[in-house]
Amino acid sequence: MHVTQLSLANVRSFRRLELELTPGLHVITGANGSGKSNLLEAIALLATARSTRTTNDIDLISWESLREDPLPAARIGARVRAADEQVQVEVIVTTRPGLSAEADVASRRFRVNGIARRASDLIGRLRVVLFSADDLAIIDGAPALRRRYLDITISQLDAGYVRTLQRYQRVLQQRNSLLRRLQDRHGAPAELDFWDEELAQAGAILHSMRATAVAALARGAAERYAGLSPHADRLNIRYRPALPPELAATLAHAPDQAEALALPIEELAAAILAAQVAGRARDIQAGVTRIGPHRDDIAFLMGEHAAGSSASRGELRGVALALRLAEVELSIARTGDPPVLLLDDVLSELDADRRARVLAAAFAVDQVLITSPDADRPGRDEVAAAHRYRINNGDLERYE
């Protein structure tokens, strides 16, 4: 899989950019703040339908457009060649006046081959694995960041996961709204029956798919980390689903979590439903749903200790690197077609051995974009055939 053409209009630091790309390695250099990360963010957005750096769509629009245009808008488009198809994908960010002159509201629209589509129809048309300095937060940050990581990773590989996740989120919102009404003594608990059944069914599917993905990532990351840090404690990644206590306890101690959670979906959904019904009074008191995928977590352990609190920054970087390398392997195993690899200013922080291992993974995929503030890293001895570009104030210039 590779991008053959990239087009940006009014995207962060880019007023306009048209870039033809080939398979192979592309090295983009420039000073900090010149727009390197903006470029990779735009490509990742086409793959996942969401930004890796902001939850506010208006942040994606260039400052110049926000300042000068009556109704500012941004467009990101790419032509993608995969193993069995060529497809054009687009994300368009538009604005409309808000409640005040300084509070415009932005929203995203999506197109596939020029036809308006939902986000779920866009996700996975382009698959990327993005390495960045922010990856450390997956390990030592809040649980929400780890759930977001899982959702982004699995969504690119399975359209069914995207649809189930969207369904779960809609039902969860409805159930929580009803719980707050019941908390204020408006309605009867029996009104939860329908929402409980829907939530349990969708939640069981998500738990099962997450357990399978985490098991594969755990195996790959442990192997990769042992190669990156042969003298360190073994890396162990464990899925921590917010399941009924008896199921969660069984899963927590299982050698193979995916196998331990390999109940028929109907049985798992029934167990979740029984726990939701049994816990209704506490959910009503809290005004929120207390079990389900929206409260899942992942544990990263070095030996027996949590990596987030016990590992050094160098060790955390190694864990994050091993996880991303495992993600590349998972993407190839699931689809048979390598993802596009995006390396956002990570090579400059790695020693020669780790840099070589990352570049070895890069040579296993069709297309790699590498950003660096240093024009000499990666050097020509490391990536002799790479296409090289300089970026400055939103302009991209190719040089050899």
Protein backbone atom coordinates (compact mmCIF):
# COMPACT_ATOMS: atom_id res chain seq x y z
CA MET A 1 0.00 0.00 0.00
CA HIS A 2 1.26 3.49 -0.79
CA VAL A 3 0.11 7.07 -1.40
CA THR A 4 0.68 8.21 -4.98
CA GLN A 5 -0.57 11.78 -4.62
CA LEU A 6 -1.18 14.02 -1.61
CA SER A 7 -3.08 17.30 -1.73
CA LEU A 8 -3.46 19.81 1.12
CA ALA A 9 -5.34 23.09 1.16
CA ASN A 10 -5.42 25.36 4.22
CA VAL A 11 -4.20 22.61 6.54
CA ARG A 12 -2.33 24.03 9.54
CA SER A 13 0.94 25.46 8.16
CA PHE A 14 0.11 24.54 4.55
CA ARG A 15 -1.84 26.98 2.42
CA ARG A 16 -1.50 24.66 -0.56
CA LEU A 17 0.58 21.57 -1.25
CA GLU A 18 0.52 19.11 -4.16
CA LEU A 19 2.92 16.21 -3.76
CA GLU A 20 3.50 13.22 -6.02
CA LEU A 21 4.86 10.22 -4.12
CA THR A 22 6.32 6.88 -5.13
CA PRO A 23 6.89 3.70 -3.17
CA GLY A 24 10.08 3.74 -1.12
CA LEU A 25 11.56 6.03 1.52
CA HIS A 26 10.92 9.76 1.71
CA VAL A 27 12.93 11.88 4.16
CA ILE A 28 11.52 15.31 5.05
CA THR A 29 13.79 17.67 6.96
CA GLY A 30 13.21 21.08 8.44
CA ALA A 31 13.49 23.11 11.61
CA ASN A 32 11.20 22.46 14.53
CA GLY A 33 7.86 24.17 13.88
CA SER A 34 8.28 24.11 10.10
CA GLY A 35 5.33 21.77 9.53
CA LYS A 36 6.84 18.27 9.42
CA SER A 37 4.42 16.85 11.98
CA ASN A 38 1.51 18.65 10.29
CA LEU A 39 2.24 16.74 7.09
CA LEU A 40 2.24 13.32 8.77
CA GLU A 41 -0.81 14.24 10.85
CA ALA A 42 -2.71 14.98 7.62
CA ILE A 43 -1.83 11.59 6.15
CA ALA A 44 -2.80 9.80 9.36
CA LEU A 45 -6.11 11.69 9.40
CA LEU A 46 -6.97 10.21 6.02
CA ALA A 47 -6.42 6.74 7.47
CA THR A 48 -8.30 7.11 10.75
CA ALA A 49 -10.74 10.02 10.15
CA ARG A 50 -9.45 11.69 13.32
CA SER A 51 -6.49 13.87 14.22
CA THR A 52 -3.64 12.47 16.26
CA ARG A 53 -3.07 15.84 17.94
CA THR A 54 -6.37 17.61 18.52
CA THR A 55 -10.03 16.89 19.17
CA ASN A 56 -11.10 20.33 17.91
CA ASP A 57 -11.58 20.28 14.13
CA ILE A 58 -11.04 23.99 13.77
CA ASP A 59 -7.40 23.52 14.85
CA LEU A 60 -6.76 21.75 11.54
CA ILE A 61 -7.49 24.87 9.49
CA SER A 62 -4.59 27.18 8.69
CA TRP A 63 -4.32 30.40 10.66
CA GLU A 64 -4.20 32.41 7.44
CA SER A 65 -7.49 30.94 6.27
CA LEU A 66 -9.10 31.51 9.66
CA ARG A 67 -7.96 35.11 9.58
CA GLU A 68 -8.63 35.96 5.94
CA ASP A 69 -11.47 33.79 4.61
CA PRO A 70 -15.16 34.48 5.39
CA LEU A 71 -15.90 30.77 5.84
CA PRO A 72 -12.54 29.05 6.35
CA ALA A 73 -12.17 25.44 5.24
CA ALA A 74 -9.43 22.86 4.89
CA ARG A 75 -9.08 19.89 2.56
CA ILE A 76 -6.86 16.83 2.73
CA GLY A 77 -6.92 14.43 -0.20
CA ALA A 78 -4.87 11.48 -1.37
CA ARG A 79 -4.80 8.88 -4.08
CA VAL A 80 -3.97 5.52 -2.55
CA ARG A 81 -2.86 2.35 -4.29
CA ALA A 82 -3.48 -0.83 -2.32
CA ALA A 83 -2.96 -4.45 -3.29
CA ASP A 84 -6.28 -4.77 -5.11
CA GLU A 85 -7.52 -1.25 -5.79
CA GLN A 86 -6.79 2.42 -6.29
CA VAL A 87 -8.93 4.83 -4.31
CA GLN A 88 -9.24 8.58 -3.77
CA VAL A 89 -9.92 9.62 -0.16
CA GLU A 90 -10.71 13.10 1.15
CA VAL A 91 -11.39 14.81 4.45
CA ILE A 92 -12.91 18.29 4.28
CA VAL A 93 -13.14 20.52 7.34
CA THR A 94 -15.73 23.28 7.03
CA THR A 95 -16.84 26.03 9.38
CA ARG A 96 -20.08 27.78 10.19
CA PRO A 97 -20.70 30.80 12.41
CA GLY A 98 -20.93 30.01 16.10
CA LEU A 99 -22.64 31.88 18.91
CA SER A 100 -20.06 34.66 18.69
CA ALA A 101 -17.84 36.13 15.99
CA GLU A 102 -14.79 34.46 17.55
CA ALA A 103 -16.36 31.03 18.04
CA ASP A 104 -16.82 29.46 14.61
CA VAL A 105 -17.83 25.81 14.65
CA ALA A 106 -15.99 23.28 12.47
CA SER A 107 -17.00 19.84 11.28
CA ARG A 108 -15.55 17.11 9.06
CA ARG A 109 -16.97 15.60 5.88
CA PHE A 110 -15.59 12.58 4.05
CA ARG A 111 -15.42 11.47 0.44
CA VAL A 112 -14.34 8.23 -1.18
CA ASN A 113 -13.78 8.43 -4.95
CA GLY A 114 -15.55 11.79 -4.93
CA ILE A 115 -18.72 10.48 -3.27
CA ALA A 116 -19.81 11.66 0.17
CA ARG A 117 -19.39 8.88 2.72
CA ARG A 118 -19.48 8.31 6.46
CA ALA A 119 -16.27 8.20 8.46
CA SER A 120 -16.63 4.43 8.81
CA ASP A 121 -16.45 4.10 5.01
CA LEU A 122 -13.19 6.05 4.88
CA ILE A 123 -11.32 4.31 7.71
CA GLY A 124 -9.02 1.55 6.48
CA ARG A 125 -8.89 2.65 2.83
CA LEU A 126 -5.45 3.93 3.76
CA ARG A 127 -3.65 2.19 6.63
CA VAL A 128 -0.78 3.83 8.49
CA VAL A 129 1.43 3.15 11.47
CA LEU A 130 2.63 6.42 12.98
CA PHE A 131 5.67 6.62 15.28
CA SER A 132 5.94 9.88 17.23
CA ALA A 133 7.29 11.28 20.48
CA ASP A 134 3.71 11.26 21.79
CA ASP A 135 3.75 7.44 21.81
CA LEU A 136 5.16 7.43 25.35
CA ALA A 137 1.75 8.64 26.58
CA ILE A 138 0.23 5.35 25.43
CA ILE A 139 2.27 3.69 28.18
CA ASP A 140 2.36 6.22 31.01
CA GLY A 141 -0.68 8.37 30.18
CA ALA A 142 -4.37 8.10 31.03
CA PRO A 143 -6.40 4.95 30.20
CA ALA A 144 -8.38 6.95 27.63
CA LEU A 145 -5.22 7.28 25.54
CA ARG A 146 -4.74 3.52 25.51
CA ARG A 147 -8.35 2.93 24.51
CA ARG A 148 -7.92 5.49 21.74
CA TYR A 149 -4.78 3.68 20.59
CA LEU A 150 -6.66 0.37 20.45
CA ASP A 151 -9.59 1.89 18.57
CA ILE A 152 -7.36 3.53 15.96
CA THR A 153 -5.27 0.39 15.47
CA ILE A 154 -8.11 -2.13 15.16
CA SER A 155 -10.40 0.18 13.17
CA GLN A 156 -7.89 0.35 10.32
CA LEU A 157 -7.88 -3.45 10.11
CA ASP A 158 -11.56 -4.31 10.53
CA ALA A 159 -14.54 -2.31 9.26
CA GLY A 160 -16.81 -4.36 11.51
CA TYR A 161 -15.00 -3.03 14.55
CA VAL A 162 -15.66 0.56 13.45
CA ARG A 163 -19.38 -0.06 13.04
CA THR A 164 -19.65 -1.89 16.36
CA LEU A 165 -17.72 0.82 18.18
CA GLN A 166 -19.98 3.54 16.77
CA ARG A 167 -23.05 1.53 17.75
CA TYR A 168 -21.69 0.99 21.26
CA GLN A 169 -20.96 4.69 21.73
CA ARG A 170 -24.47 5.69 20.62
CA VAL A 171 -26.12 3.17 22.95
CA LEU A 172 -23.82 4.14 25.84
CA GLN A 173 -24.81 7.78 25.42
CA GLN A 174 -28.50 6.85 25.51
CA ARG A 175 -28.08 4.59 28.55
CA ASN A 176 -26.14 7.21 30.50
CA SER A 177 -28.76 9.84 29.67
CA LEU A 178 -31.47 7.50 30.97
CA LEU A 179 -29.45 6.75 34.12
CA ARG A 180 -29.30 10.47 34.91
CA ARG A 181 -33.08 10.74 34.44
CA LEU A 182 -33.58 7.80 36.78
CA GLN A 183 -31.19 9.41 39.25
CA ASP A 184 -33.61 12.35 39.34
CA ARG A 185 -36.52 9.88 39.80
CA HIS A 186 -37.90 10.41 36.29
CA GLY A 187 -38.93 7.04 34.84
CA ALA A 188 -38.61 3.39 35.85
CA PRO A 189 -35.50 1.13 35.86
CA ALA A 190 -37.25 -1.25 33.45
CA GLU A 191 -36.66 1.38 30.75
CA LEU A 192 -33.03 0.22 30.79
CA ASP A 193 -33.90 -3.25 29.47
CA PHE A 194 -33.52 -2.45 25.78
CA TRP A 195 -30.34 -0.39 26.21
CA ASP A 196 -28.75 -3.01 28.45
CA GLU A 197 -29.25 -5.73 25.87
CA GLU A 198 -27.88 -3.56 23.03
CA LEU A 199 -24.89 -2.45 25.11
CA ALA A 200 -24.05 -5.98 26.24
CA GLN A 201 -24.14 -7.33 22.67
CA ALA A 202 -21.93 -4.59 21.20
CA GLY A 203 -19.66 -4.60 24.25
CA ALA A 204 -19.07 -8.36 24.00
CA ILE A 205 -17.93 -7.99 20.38
CA LEU A 206 -15.55 -5.15 21.25
CA HIS A 207 -14.08 -7.00 24.24
CA SER A 208 -13.46 -10.08 22.13
CA MET A 209 -11.85 -8.17 19.25
CA ARG A 210 -9.69 -6.13 21.61
CA ALA A 211 -8.50 -9.24 23.46
CA THR A 212 -7.44 -10.85 20.19
CA ALA A 213 -5.62 -7.72 18.98
CA VAL A 214 -3.84 -7.09 22.29
CA ALA A 215 -2.70 -10.73 22.45
CA ALA A 216 -1.11 -10.41 19.00
CA LEU A 217 0.47 -7.04 19.82
CA ALA A 218 1.77 -8.41 23.13
CA ARG A 219 3.54 -11.33 21.46
CA GLY A 220 5.08 -9.16 18.77
CA ALA A 221 6.08 -6.34 21.12
CA ALA A 222 7.70 -8.71 23.65
CA GLU A 223 9.83 -10.23 20.88
CA ARG A 224 10.76 -6.84 19.45
CA TYR A 225 11.57 -5.38 22.86
CA ALA A 226 13.84 -8.31 23.70
CA GLY A 227 15.79 -7.51 20.55
CA LEU A 228 15.94 -3.78 21.30
CA SER A 229 16.85 -4.21 25.00
CA PRO A 230 18.27 -7.73 25.47
CA HIS A 231 19.31 -7.15 29.10
CA ALA A 232 16.06 -5.56 30.28
CA ASP A 233 13.15 -7.25 32.04
CA ARG A 234 10.69 -8.99 29.76
CA LEU A 235 7.90 -6.79 28.41
CA ASN A 236 4.43 -8.10 29.18
CA ILE A 237 1.32 -6.39 27.79
CA ARG A 238 -2.02 -7.35 29.36
CA TYR A 239 -5.56 -6.42 28.39
CA ARG A 240 -7.58 -5.10 31.35
CA PRO A 241 -11.22 -5.17 30.22
CA ALA A 242 -13.93 -3.58 32.34
CA LEU A 243 -15.89 -6.81 32.61
CA PRO A 244 -17.94 -8.31 35.45
CA PRO A 245 -15.52 -9.06 38.33
CA GLU A 246 -15.51 -12.86 37.97
CA LEU A 247 -14.75 -12.70 34.24
CA ALA A 248 -12.14 -9.98 34.69
CA ALA A 249 -10.38 -12.03 37.40
CA THR A 250 -10.26 -15.11 35.18
CA LEU A 251 -8.87 -13.10 32.30
CA ALA A 252 -6.29 -11.27 34.41
CA HIS A 253 -4.49 -14.52 35.31
CA ALA A 254 -4.88 -16.38 32.03
CA PRO A 255 -1.63 -17.11 30.14
CA ASP A 256 -3.43 -16.43 26.85
CA GLN A 257 -6.07 -13.74 27.31
CA ALA A 258 -7.53 -14.08 23.83
CA GLU A 259 -8.10 -17.79 24.43
CA ALA A 260 -9.56 -17.13 27.90
CA LEU A 261 -12.05 -14.67 26.41
CA ALA A 262 -12.92 -16.96 23.50
CA LEU A 263 -16.46 -17.50 24.75
CA PRO A 264 -19.21 -17.45 22.15
CA ILE A 265 -20.32 -13.84 21.81
CA GLU A 266 -23.79 -14.78 23.04
CA GLU A 267 -22.38 -16.20 26.30
CA LEU A 268 -20.13 -13.20 26.89
CA ALA A 269 -23.01 -10.81 26.14
CA ALA A 270 -25.25 -12.72 28.56
CA ALA A 271 -22.65 -12.45 31.33
CA ILE A 272 -22.27 -8.70 30.72
CA LEU A 273 -26.04 -8.22 30.63
CA ALA A 274 -26.48 -10.08 33.94
CA ALA A 275 -23.83 -7.85 35.55
CA GLN A 276 -25.48 -4.69 34.19
CA VAL A 277 -28.88 -5.71 35.53
CA ALA A 278 -27.40 -6.66 38.91
CA GLY A 279 -25.57 -3.34 39.10
CA ARG A 280 -28.40 -1.05 37.99
CA ALA A 281 -28.95 0.51 41.39
CA ARG A 282 -25.28 1.53 41.64
CA ASP A 283 -25.26 2.77 38.03
CA ILE A 284 -28.34 4.91 38.73
CA GLN A 285 -26.73 6.27 41.87
CA ALA A 286 -23.56 7.15 39.94
CA GLY A 287 -25.42 8.35 36.85
CA VAL A 288 -23.00 6.46 34.57
CA THR A 289 -22.42 2.96 33.19
CA ARG A 290 -19.65 1.43 35.26
CA ILE A 291 -18.62 -1.60 33.18
CA GLY A 292 -17.91 -1.97 29.48
CA PRO A 293 -15.27 -1.24 26.81
CA HIS A 294 -15.46 2.50 27.54
CA ARG A 295 -13.56 1.73 30.77
CA ASP A 296 -11.04 -0.79 29.41
CA ASP A 297 -7.30 -0.41 29.92
CA ILE A 298 -4.01 -2.02 28.89
CA ALA A 299 -1.21 -2.81 31.36
CA PHE A 300 2.42 -2.50 30.24
CA LEU A 301 4.62 -4.46 32.64
CA MET A 302 8.39 -4.69 32.90
CA GLY A 303 8.78 -7.95 34.74
CA GLU A 304 6.16 -7.58 37.46
CA HIS A 305 6.15 -3.78 37.62
CA ALA A 306 4.09 -1.18 35.74
CA ALA A 307 6.28 0.33 33.04
CA GLY A 308 4.66 3.74 33.36
CA SER A 309 5.82 4.19 36.95
CA SER A 310 9.02 2.14 37.06
CA ALA A 311 10.73 2.43 33.65
CA SER A 312 13.17 5.13 32.60
CA ARG A 313 12.36 7.40 29.69
CA GLY A 314 14.74 5.40 27.50
CA GLU A 315 12.99 2.16 28.46
CA LEU A 316 9.58 3.70 27.79
CA ARG A 317 10.77 4.78 24.36
CA GLY A 318 11.88 1.21 23.70
CA VAL A 319 8.47 -0.13 24.76
CA ALA A 320 6.65 2.33 22.52
CA LEU A 321 8.95 1.46 19.64
CA ALA A 322 8.38 -2.29 20.14
CA LEU A 323 4.62 -1.72 20.22
CA ARG A 324 4.62 0.16 16.92
CA LEU A 325 6.82 -2.48 15.28
CA ALA A 326 4.35 -5.12 16.46
CA GLU A 327 1.55 -3.02 14.96
CA VAL A 328 3.25 -3.13 11.56
CA GLU A 329 3.40 -6.94 11.81
CA LEU A 330 -0.27 -7.15 12.87
CA SER A 331 -1.37 -4.96 9.96
CA ILE A 332 0.48 -7.14 7.45
CA ALA A 333 -0.79 -10.37 9.05
CA ARG A 334 -4.42 -9.22 9.02
CA THR A 335 -4.52 -7.69 5.53
CA GLY A 336 -1.61 -9.14 3.59
CA ASP A 337 -0.72 -5.61 2.49
CA PRO A 338 1.85 -3.49 4.38
CA PRO A 339 0.73 -0.17 5.88
CA VAL A 340 2.32 3.17 5.12
CA LEU A 341 4.92 3.86 7.81
CA LEU A 342 5.18 7.39 9.24
CA LEU A 343 8.22 8.17 11.44
CA ASP A 344 7.77 11.58 13.01
CA ASP A 345 11.14 12.79 14.32
CA VAL A 346 11.90 9.60 16.25
CA LEU A 347 15.13 8.41 14.64
CA SER A 348 17.18 11.32 15.98
CA GLU A 349 16.50 10.15 19.56
CA LEU A 350 17.53 6.53 18.94
CA ASP A 351 20.97 4.95 19.16
CA ALA A 352 22.45 3.33 16.06
CA ASP A 353 21.22 -0.19 16.87
CA ARG A 354 17.60 0.84 17.49
CA ARG A 355 17.66 3.11 14.47
CA ALA A 356 18.79 0.17 12.35
CA ARG A 357 15.93 -2.01 13.68
CA VAL A 358 13.34 0.63 12.86
CA LEU A 359 14.75 1.08 9.38
CA ALA A 360 14.71 -2.70 8.91
CA ALA A 361 10.95 -2.56 9.53
CA ALA A 362 10.78 0.35 7.10
CA PHE A 363 12.33 -1.74 4.34
CA ALA A 364 9.58 -4.35 4.88
CA VAL A 365 6.76 -1.98 3.81
CA ASP A 366 6.01 -0.25 0.52
CA GLN A 367 6.26 3.38 1.59
CA VAL A 368 7.85 5.27 4.47
CA LEU A 369 7.81 8.98 5.30
CA ILE A 370 10.47 10.06 7.78
CA THR A 371 10.68 13.54 9.31
CA SER A 372 13.82 14.85 10.95
CA PRO A 373 15.21 18.21 12.08
CA ASP A 374 18.65 16.96 11.06
CA ALA A 375 19.42 16.77 7.34
CA ASP A 376 22.10 14.16 8.04
CA ARG A 377 19.93 11.73 10.03
CA PRO A 378 19.05 9.27 8.74
CA GLY A 379 22.25 9.48 6.72
CA ARG A 380 22.75 8.39 3.14
CA ASP A 381 24.60 5.32 4.39
CA GLU A 382 21.39 4.26 6.20
CA VAL A 383 18.84 5.10 3.49
CA ALA A 384 20.84 5.52 0.30
CA ALA A 385 17.87 5.45 -2.08
CA ALA A 386 15.61 7.81 -0.11
CA HIS A 387 13.92 10.79 -1.77
CA ARG A 388 14.75 13.90 0.24
CA TYR A 389 12.77 17.10 0.83
CA ARG A 390 13.21 20.34 2.76
CA ILE A 391 10.20 21.97 4.36
CA ASN A 392 9.99 25.65 5.23
CA ASN A 393 6.95 27.84 5.93
CA GLY A 394 4.58 25.37 4.34
CA ASP A 395 6.65 24.89 1.18
CA LEU A 396 8.21 21.54 0.30
CA GLU A 397 11.28 21.41 -1.93
CA ARG A 398 12.82 18.20 -3.18
CA TYR A 399 16.60 17.89 -3.32
CA GLU A 400 19.13 15.15 -3.91
